[in-house]
C-alpha atoms as a PDB file:
ATOM      1  CA  MET A   1      35.209   0.740 -36.696  1.00  0.00           C
ATOM      2  CA  THR A   2      33.343  -1.924 -38.636  1.00  0.00           C
ATOM      3  CA  LYS A   3      32.581  -1.859 -42.335  1.00  0.00           C
ATOM      4  CA  GLU A   4      28.838  -1.869 -41.597  1.00  0.00           C
ATOM      5  CA  PHE A   5      29.215   1.185 -39.358  1.00  0.00           C
ATOM      6  CA  ILE A   6      31.131   3.067 -42.065  1.00  0.00           C
ATOM      7  CA  VAL A   7      28.446   2.264 -44.658  1.00  0.00           C
ATOM      8  CA  ALA A   8      25.706   3.412 -42.280  1.00  0.00           C
ATOM      9  CA  ILE A   9      27.496   6.691 -41.623  1.00  0.00           C
ATOM     10  CA  ALA A  10      28.006   7.218 -45.356  1.00  0.00           C
ATOM     11  CA  LEU A  11      24.313   6.630 -46.012  1.00  0.00           C
ATOM     12  CA  ILE A  12      23.316   9.077 -43.280  1.00  0.00           C
ATOM     13  CA  VAL A  13      25.673  11.742 -44.659  1.00  0.00           C
ATOM     14  CA  ALA A  14      24.375  11.186 -48.188  1.00  0.00           C
ATOM     15  CA  ALA A  15      20.803  11.401 -46.971  1.00  0.00           C
ATOM     16  CA  CYS A  16      21.499  14.640 -45.130  1.00  0.00           C
ATOM     17  CA  ALA A  17      23.348  16.146 -48.093  1.00  0.00           C
ATOM     18  CA  GLY A  18      20.880  15.336 -50.836  1.00  0.00           C
ATOM     19  CA  SER A  19      17.654  13.769 -49.655  1.00  0.00           C
ATOM     20  CA  SER A  20      15.300  16.602 -50.644  1.00  0.00           C
ATOM     21  CA  HIS A  21      12.900  16.701 -53.590  1.00  0.00           C
ATOM     22  CA  VAL A  22      11.074  19.308 -55.660  1.00  0.00           C
ATOM     23  CA  SER A  23       8.107  17.817 -57.459  1.00  0.00           C
ATOM     24  CA  GLY A  24       4.930  18.983 -59.120  1.00  0.00           C
ATOM     25  CA  ARG A  25       2.680  18.886 -62.164  1.00  0.00           C
ATOM     26  CA  VAL A  26       2.460  20.827 -65.395  1.00  0.00           C
ATOM     27  CA  THR A  27      -1.081  21.374 -66.649  1.00  0.00           C
ATOM     28  CA  GLU A  28      -2.780  23.507 -69.265  1.00  0.00           C
ATOM     29  CA  LEU A  29      -5.014  26.442 -68.449  1.00  0.00           C
ATOM     30  CA  ALA A  30      -8.573  25.065 -68.427  1.00  0.00           C
ATOM     31  CA  GLY A  31      -7.179  21.725 -69.584  1.00  0.00           C
ATOM     32  CA  GLY A  32      -5.385  18.575 -68.503  1.00  0.00           C
ATOM     33  CA  PRO A  33      -1.774  17.536 -67.966  1.00  0.00           C
ATOM     34  CA  LEU A  34       0.935  18.633 -70.392  1.00  0.00           C
ATOM     35  CA  ALA A  35       3.028  15.546 -71.065  1.00  0.00           C
ATOM     36  CA  GLY A  36       6.550  16.265 -72.234  1.00  0.00           C
ATOM     37  CA  ALA A  37       6.711  19.772 -70.805  1.00  0.00           C
ATOM     38  CA  HIS A  38      10.343  20.739 -70.246  1.00  0.00           C
ATOM     39  CA  VAL A  39      11.071  21.609 -66.594  1.00  0.00           C
ATOM     40  CA  THR A  40      14.385  23.130 -65.495  1.00  0.00           C
ATOM     41  CA  ILE A  41      15.703  23.616 -61.964  1.00  0.00           C
ATOM     42  CA  ASP A  42      18.612  25.850 -60.950  1.00  0.00           C
ATOM     43  CA  GLY A  43      20.220  26.408 -57.580  1.00  0.00           C
ATOM     44  CA  LEU A  44      23.546  26.442 -55.801  1.00  0.00           C
ATOM     45  CA  LYS A  45      25.771  24.024 -57.764  1.00  0.00           C
ATOM     46  CA  THR A  46      22.579  22.561 -59.278  1.00  0.00           C
ATOM     47  CA  HIS A  47      21.224  22.555 -62.817  1.00  0.00           C
ATOM     48  CA  ALA A  48      18.918  19.812 -64.018  1.00  0.00           C
ATOM     49  CA  GLU A  49      16.273  19.324 -66.711  1.00  0.00           C
ATOM     50  CA  ILE A  50      13.450  16.820 -66.942  1.00  0.00           C
ATOM     51  CA  ALA A  51      10.398  16.091 -69.122  1.00  0.00           C
ATOM     52  CA  ALA A  52       7.013  15.798 -67.452  1.00  0.00           C
ATOM     53  CA  ASP A  53       5.456  12.336 -67.689  1.00  0.00           C
ATOM     54  CA  ALA A  54       2.102  11.408 -69.238  1.00  0.00           C
ATOM     55  CA  MET A  55       0.281  12.868 -66.225  1.00  0.00           C
ATOM     56  CA  GLY A  56       2.322  16.063 -66.335  1.00  0.00           C
ATOM     57  CA  ARG A  57       4.293  15.074 -63.230  1.00  0.00           C
ATOM     58  CA  PHE A  58       7.979  15.702 -62.557  1.00  0.00           C
ATOM     59  CA  ASP A  59      10.338  15.101 -59.639  1.00  0.00           C
ATOM     60  CA  PHE A  60      13.833  16.399 -58.960  1.00  0.00           C
ATOM     61  CA  ALA A  61      15.417  14.106 -56.342  1.00  0.00           C
ATOM     62  CA  GLY A  62      18.657  14.128 -54.391  1.00  0.00           C
ATOM     63  CA  LEU A  63      18.673  17.872 -53.804  1.00  0.00           C
ATOM     64  CA  ALA A  64      20.547  19.652 -51.085  1.00  0.00           C
ATOM     65  CA  PRO A  65      18.408  21.892 -48.863  1.00  0.00           C
ATOM     66  CA  GLY A  66      18.142  25.418 -50.193  1.00  0.00           C
ATOM     67  CA  THR A  67      16.298  27.706 -52.577  1.00  0.00           C
ATOM     68  CA  TYR A  68      15.769  26.864 -56.240  1.00  0.00           C
ATOM     69  CA  LYS A  69      14.437  28.498 -59.382  1.00  0.00           C
ATOM     70  CA  LEU A  70      12.258  26.449 -61.737  1.00  0.00           C
ATOM     71  CA  LYS A  71      10.681  27.030 -65.108  1.00  0.00           C
ATOM     72  CA  ALA A  72       8.361  25.000 -67.329  1.00  0.00           C
ATOM     73  CA  GLU A  73       8.266  25.319 -71.114  1.00  0.00           C
ATOM     74  CA  LEU A  74       6.476  23.705 -74.038  1.00  0.00           C
ATOM     75  CA  PRO A  75       6.299  24.886 -77.658  1.00  0.00           C
ATOM     76  CA  GLY A  76       3.056  26.772 -78.262  1.00  0.00           C
ATOM     77  CA  TYR A  77       2.740  27.808 -74.607  1.00  0.00           C
ATOM     78  CA  VAL A  78       3.922  30.746 -72.532  1.00  0.00           C
ATOM     79  CA  MET A  79       6.851  29.827 -70.279  1.00  0.00           C
ATOM     80  CA  GLU A  80       6.114  29.988 -66.539  1.00  0.00           C
ATOM     81  CA  ALA A  81       8.735  30.382 -63.802  1.00  0.00           C
ATOM     82  CA  HIS A  82       8.840  30.023 -60.031  1.00  0.00           C
ATOM     83  CA  GLY A  83      11.546  32.250 -58.616  1.00  0.00           C
ATOM     84  CA  ASP A  84      12.059  31.020 -55.060  1.00  0.00           C
ATOM     85  CA  VAL A  85      11.182  27.433 -54.180  1.00  0.00           C
ATOM     86  CA  SER A  86      12.611  26.554 -50.779  1.00  0.00           C
ATOM     87  CA  VAL A  87      13.135  22.969 -49.666  1.00  0.00           C
ATOM     88  CA  ALA A  88      14.297  21.815 -46.242  1.00  0.00           C
ATOM     89  CA  ARG A  89      16.521  18.824 -45.558  1.00  0.00           C
ATOM     90  CA  GLY A  90      14.713  15.546 -46.108  1.00  0.00           C
ATOM     91  CA  THR A  91      11.469  17.144 -47.333  1.00  0.00           C
ATOM     92  CA  THR A  92       9.652  17.577 -50.641  1.00  0.00           C
ATOM     93  CA  ALA A  93       8.647  21.004 -51.930  1.00  0.00           C
ATOM     94  CA  THR A  94       5.822  21.324 -54.451  1.00  0.00           C
ATOM     95  CA  ALA A  95       6.014  23.537 -57.537  1.00  0.00           C
ATOM     96  CA  ASP A  96       3.031  23.239 -59.881  1.00  0.00           C
ATOM     97  CA  PHE A  97       2.808  25.003 -63.220  1.00  0.00           C
ATOM     98  CA  VAL A  98      -0.237  26.057 -65.254  1.00  0.00           C
ATOM     99  CA  LEU A  99       0.811  27.004 -68.781  1.00  0.00           C
ATOM    100  CA  HIS A 100      -1.203  29.376 -70.918  1.00  0.00           C
ATOM    101  CA  PRO A 101      -1.394  28.760 -74.668  1.00  0.00           C
ATOM    102  CA  ALA A 102       0.616  31.294 -76.624  1.00  0.00           C
ATOM    103  CA  CYS A 103      -1.789  34.131 -77.235  1.00  0.00           C
ATOM    104  CA  LEU A 104      -2.532  36.688 -79.892  1.00  0.00           C
ATOM    105  CA  GLU A 105      -1.801  40.076 -78.372  1.00  0.00           C
ATOM    106  CA  GLU A 106      -3.018  41.960 -81.416  1.00  0.00           C
ATOM    107  CA  GLY A 107      -6.107  41.352 -83.479  1.00  0.00           C
ATOM    108  CA  SER A 108      -6.506  42.079 -87.156  1.00  0.00           C
ATOM    109  CA  TYR A 109      -8.653  45.159 -87.711  1.00  0.00           C
ATOM    110  CA  VAL A 110     -11.071  45.408 -90.600  1.00  0.00           C
ATOM    111  CA  ASP A 111     -12.589  48.767 -91.421  1.00  0.00           C
ATOM    112  CA  GLY A 112     -15.573  48.298 -93.662  1.00  0.00           C
ATOM    113  CA  GLY A 113     -17.032  51.724 -93.022  1.00  0.00           C
ATOM    114  CA  VAL A 114     -19.759  52.994 -90.737  1.00  0.00           C
ATOM    115  CA  GLY A 115     -22.506  51.198 -92.662  1.00  0.00           C
ATOM    116  CA  TRP A 116     -20.705  47.892 -92.226  1.00  0.00           C
ATOM    117  CA  ALA A 117     -20.074  48.648 -88.555  1.00  0.00           C
ATOM    118  CA  LEU A 118     -23.761  49.239 -87.862  1.00  0.00           C
ATOM    119  CA  LEU A 119     -24.623  45.915 -89.498  1.00  0.00           C
ATOM    120  CA  ALA A 120     -21.749  43.972 -87.914  1.00  0.00           C
ATOM    121  CA  ALA A 121     -22.174  45.267 -84.370  1.00  0.00           C
ATOM    122  CA  GLN A 122     -24.478  43.317 -82.093  1.00  0.00           C
ATOM    123  CA  ALA A 123     -24.725  46.296 -79.777  1.00  0.00           C
ATOM    124  CA  VAL A 124     -24.026  50.006 -80.207  1.00  0.00           C
ATOM    125  CA  VAL A 125     -23.880  51.794 -76.878  1.00  0.00           C
ATOM    126  CA  TYR A 126     -22.660  55.009 -75.287  1.00  0.00           C
ATOM    127  CA  VAL A 127     -20.498  54.039 -72.333  1.00  0.00           C
ATOM    128  CA  ARG A 128     -18.248  55.454 -69.630  1.00  0.00           C
ATOM    129  CA  LEU A 129     -15.356  53.171 -68.660  1.00  0.00           C
ATOM    130  CA  ASP A 130     -14.765  52.278 -65.036  1.00  0.00           C
ATOM    131  CA  ALA A 131     -11.404  51.169 -63.611  1.00  0.00           C
ATOM    132  CA  PRO A 132      -9.713  48.705 -66.016  1.00  0.00           C
ATOM    133  CA  SER A 133      -8.469  45.306 -64.860  1.00  0.00           C
ATOM    134  CA  ALA A 134      -5.058  43.752 -65.389  1.00  0.00           C
ATOM    135  CA  PRO A 135      -4.383  41.935 -68.705  1.00  0.00           C
ATOM    136  CA  ASP A 136      -5.766  38.418 -68.856  1.00  0.00           C
ATOM    137  CA  ARG A 137      -6.125  35.553 -71.346  1.00  0.00           C
ATOM    138  CA  TRP A 138      -9.307  34.119 -72.811  1.00  0.00           C
ATOM    139  CA  MET A 139     -10.056  31.328 -75.237  1.00  0.00           C
ATOM    140  CA  VAL A 140     -12.194  32.862 -77.991  1.00  0.00           C
ATOM    141  CA  ASN A 141     -13.270  30.640 -80.868  1.00  0.00           C
ATOM    142  CA  ASP A 142     -10.507  28.144 -79.944  1.00  0.00           C
ATOM    143  CA  GLN A 143      -7.948  30.927 -80.076  1.00  0.00           C
ATOM    144  CA  CYS A 144      -6.108  32.428 -77.126  1.00  0.00           C
ATOM    145  CA  VAL A 145      -6.433  36.206 -76.926  1.00  0.00           C
ATOM    146  CA  VAL A 146      -4.747  38.598 -74.511  1.00  0.00           C
ATOM    147  CA  GLY A 147      -7.090  41.347 -73.451  1.00  0.00           C
ATOM    148  CA  ILE A 148      -7.972  43.791 -70.702  1.00  0.00           C
ATOM    149  CA  ASP A 149     -11.404  43.659 -69.120  1.00  0.00           C
ATOM    150  CA  HIS A 150     -12.854  47.161 -68.836  1.00  0.00           C
ATOM    151  CA  PRO A 151     -16.090  47.376 -66.839  1.00  0.00           C
ATOM    152  CA  ALA A 152     -18.218  50.152 -68.309  1.00  0.00           C
ATOM    153  CA  THR A 153     -21.365  52.008 -67.323  1.00  0.00           C
ATOM    154  CA  VAL A 154     -23.942  52.147 -70.098  1.00  0.00           C
ATOM    155  CA  LEU A 155     -25.191  55.727 -70.526  1.00  0.00           C
ATOM    156  CA  SER A 156     -27.518  55.005 -73.454  1.00  0.00           C
ATOM    157  CA  ILE A 157     -28.227  52.335 -76.060  1.00  0.00           C
ATOM    158  CA  LEU A 158     -28.450  53.020 -79.765  1.00  0.00           C
ATOM    159  CA  ASN A 159     -29.041  49.474 -80.948  1.00  0.00           C
ATOM    160  CA  MET A 160     -29.049  45.969 -79.547  1.00  0.00           C
ATOM    161  CA  GLY A 161     -29.184  42.949 -81.835  1.00  0.00           C
ATOM    162  CA  PRO A 162     -30.758  39.576 -81.063  1.00  0.00           C
ATOM    163  CA  SER A 163     -27.383  37.978 -80.204  1.00  0.00           C
ATOM    164  CA  SER A 164     -25.963  40.802 -78.119  1.00  0.00           C
ATOM    165  CA  GLY A 165     -26.166  39.230 -74.692  1.00  0.00           C
ATOM    166  CA  ASP A 166     -27.701  41.083 -71.799  1.00  0.00           C
ATOM    167  CA  ILE A 167     -27.175  44.848 -71.744  1.00  0.00           C
ATOM    168  CA  THR A 168     -27.367  46.021 -68.161  1.00  0.00           C
ATOM    169  CA  ARG A 169     -26.245  49.223 -66.531  1.00  0.00           C
ATOM    170  CA  THR A 170     -22.718  47.769 -66.248  1.00  0.00           C
ATOM    171  CA  ILE A 171     -21.137  45.715 -69.022  1.00  0.00           C
ATOM    172  CA  HIS A 172     -17.602  44.398 -69.586  1.00  0.00           C
ATOM    173  CA  ILE A 173     -15.602  45.270 -72.699  1.00  0.00           C
ATOM    174  CA  VAL A 174     -12.466  43.276 -73.525  1.00  0.00           C
ATOM    175  CA  LYS A 175      -9.807  44.988 -75.596  1.00  0.00           C
ATOM    176  CA  ASP A 176      -6.119  44.356 -76.306  1.00  0.00           C
ATOM    177  CA  GLY A 177      -3.495  46.502 -74.646  1.00  0.00           C
ATOM    178  CA  ARG A 178      -2.003  48.395 -77.569  1.00  0.00           C
ATOM    179  CA  MET A 179      -4.159  51.479 -76.968  1.00  0.00           C
ATOM    180  CA  PRO A 180      -5.259  51.031 -73.371  1.00  0.00           C
ATOM    181  CA  PHE A 181      -8.422  52.687 -72.183  1.00  0.00           C
ATOM    182  CA  ALA A 182      -8.443  54.823 -69.046  1.00  0.00           C
ATOM    183  CA  ALA A 183     -11.007  55.081 -66.298  1.00  0.00           C
ATOM    184  CA  GLY A 184     -13.539  57.806 -67.058  1.00  0.00           C
ATOM    185  CA  ASP A 185     -13.123  57.659 -70.857  1.00  0.00           C
ATOM    186  CA  GLU A 186     -16.387  57.798 -72.775  1.00  0.00           C
ATOM    187  CA  TYR A 187     -17.108  56.162 -76.131  1.00  0.00           C
ATOM    188  CA  ILE A 188     -19.797  55.262 -78.579  1.00  0.00           C
ATOM    189  CA  ALA A 189     -18.886  51.593 -78.866  1.00  0.00           C
ATOM    190  CA  PHE A 190     -19.690  49.185 -81.701  1.00  0.00           C
ATOM    191  CA  LEU A 191     -19.530  45.809 -79.950  1.00  0.00           C
ATOM    192  CA  ARG A 192     -19.927  42.095 -80.518  1.00  0.00           C
ATOM    193  CA  TRP A 193     -20.797  39.596 -77.817  1.00  0.00           C
ATOM    194  CA  GLU A 194     -18.301  36.806 -77.073  1.00  0.00           C
ATOM    195  CA  PRO A 195     -20.234  34.030 -75.288  1.00  0.00           C
ATOM    196  CA  ALA A 196     -17.004  32.084 -74.629  1.00  0.00           C
ATOM    197  CA  ILE A 197     -15.864  34.739 -72.155  1.00  0.00           C
ATOM    198  CA  GLY A 198     -19.136  36.479 -71.332  1.00  0.00           C
ATOM    199  CA  ARG A 199     -17.752  39.825 -72.472  1.00  0.00           C
ATOM    200  CA  TYR A 200     -18.132  42.321 -75.291  1.00  0.00           C
ATOM    201  CA  ARG A 201     -15.338  43.190 -77.692  1.00  0.00           C
ATOM    202  CA  PRO A 202     -15.098  46.074 -80.182  1.00  0.00           C
ATOM    203  CA  ILE A 203     -15.940  44.772 -83.633  1.00  0.00           C
ATOM    204  CA  ALA A 204     -12.668  46.139 -85.078  1.00  0.00           C
ATOM    205  CA  GLY A 205     -10.255  47.008 -82.326  1.00  0.00           C
ATOM    206  CA  PRO A 206     -10.089  50.731 -81.620  1.00  0.00           C
ATOM    207  CA  ILE A 207     -11.533  51.743 -84.985  1.00  0.00           C
ATOM    208  CA  PHE A 208     -15.148  51.642 -83.886  1.00  0.00           C
ATOM    209  CA  MET A 209     -14.793  53.007 -80.405  1.00  0.00           C
ATOM    210  CA  ILE A 210     -15.721  56.643 -81.127  1.00  0.00           C
ATOM    211  CA  PRO A 211     -14.187  58.832 -78.384  1.00  0.00           C
ATOM    212  CA  VAL A 212     -16.402  61.326 -76.593  1.00  0.00           C
ATOM    213  CA  ARG A 213     -14.827  64.385 -74.984  1.00  0.00           C
ATOM    214  CA  ASP A 214     -16.909  66.731 -72.830  1.00  0.00           C
ATOM    215  CA  GLY A 215     -20.116  65.354 -74.310  1.00  0.00           C
ATOM    216  CA  LYS A 216     -18.955  65.732 -77.929  1.00  0.00           C
ATOM    217  CA  VAL A 217     -17.665  63.132 -80.347  1.00  0.00           C
ATOM    218  CA  VAL A 218     -14.142  63.040 -81.757  1.00  0.00           C
ATOM    219  CA  TRP A 219     -14.941  62.119 -85.338  1.00  0.00           C
ATOM    220  CA  PRO A 220     -12.116  62.043 -87.926  1.00  0.00           C
ATOM    221  CA  ARG A 221     -14.052  59.951 -90.447  1.00  0.00           C
ATOM    222  CA  THR A 222     -15.572  61.030 -93.764  1.00  0.00           C
ATOM    223  CA  ASP A 223     -17.861  58.053 -94.490  1.00  0.00           C
ATOM    224  CA  ALA A 224     -20.785  59.474 -92.492  1.00  0.00           C
ATOM    225  CA  PRO A 225     -21.090  63.123 -93.575  1.00  0.00           C
ATOM    226  CA  ASN A 226     -24.069  63.726 -91.287  1.00  0.00           C
ATOM    227  CA  ILE A 227     -21.733  63.345 -88.279  1.00  0.00           C
ATOM    228  CA  ARG A 228     -19.089  66.013 -87.714  1.00  0.00           C
ATOM    229  CA  ASP A 229     -16.211  66.342 -85.301  1.00  0.00           C
ATOM    230  CA  GLY A 230     -17.445  68.128 -82.194  1.00  0.00           C
ATOM    231  CA  ASP A 231     -21.114  67.145 -82.569  1.00  0.00           C
ATOM    232  CA  ALA A 232     -22.937  66.588 -79.308  1.00  0.00           C
ATOM    233  CA  VAL A 233     -23.073  62.886 -78.486  1.00  0.00           C
ATOM    234  CA  GLY A 234     -26.897  62.931 -78.654  1.00  0.00           C
ATOM    235  CA  LYS A 235     -26.815  64.334 -82.193  1.00  0.00           C
ATOM    236  CA  ALA A 236     -24.191  61.777 -83.243  1.00  0.00           C
ATOM    237  CA  MET A 237     -26.290  58.923 -81.841  1.00  0.00           C
ATOM    238  CA  ALA A 238     -29.366  60.207 -83.684  1.00  0.00           C
ATOM    239  CA  SER A 239     -27.375  60.444 -86.921  1.00  0.00           C
ATOM    240  CA  LEU A 240     -26.115  56.883 -86.487  1.00  0.00           C
ATOM    241  CA  TYR A 241     -29.653  55.703 -85.799  1.00  0.00           C
ATOM    242  CA  ALA A 242     -30.803  57.316 -89.048  1.00  0.00           C
ATOM    243  CA  LEU A 243     -28.130  55.358 -90.904  1.00  0.00           C
ATOM    244  CA  LEU A 244     -29.129  52.186 -89.088  1.00  0.00           C
ATOM    245  CA  LYS A 245     -32.748  52.437 -90.202  1.00  0.00           C
ATOM    246  CA  LYS A 246     -31.648  52.500 -93.831  1.00  0.00           C
END
């Protein structure tokens, strides 16, 4: 057996044992590559870490065939993981990551009273919520916000300001998940229009989403004495309109 033959056999064995790759890119949601993102791979007798290059690319070489787990991390972003990345002998598997900026899951609520709410809201509407969507992320005023998109049927309109977007029979209201809405819930909603996402948001979280039960408002407030708990929604809307005109 010649030396050259032994070397050839060794190369073939090495190639068969660890000739596979897992490669991919790390990019930002609605953005470009994330250079320096930290990518980790784990598998049978395998643990390796690498930093993505200037184009967000990474490559783990010399892998044995099998199934691997990968994750990508970068400070200021939400970690993303791929649980089962399978690679066959002598092939390259692709695992791309899209990282979301770390988001605010809770907004700060400011309660300036009903008078302030009527002035601050770009639209005040009586709505019935349809089936809510799953939580999502939006960039609002250069800030990442976690919210749930709730399509809603507009039952009536109290007021619509000049910057309120288009009020149609169905609108979309984005709200965080701390007090999730349910399909069929009805509210008098004080809303502002967010052009960055094409959605409405309550002007102060849940504070100015007045619940309506069986056609009557649930009203625990004392800063609008002409509206009382249990008033018919039509009466409450008329009372709010009277305050608006002042």
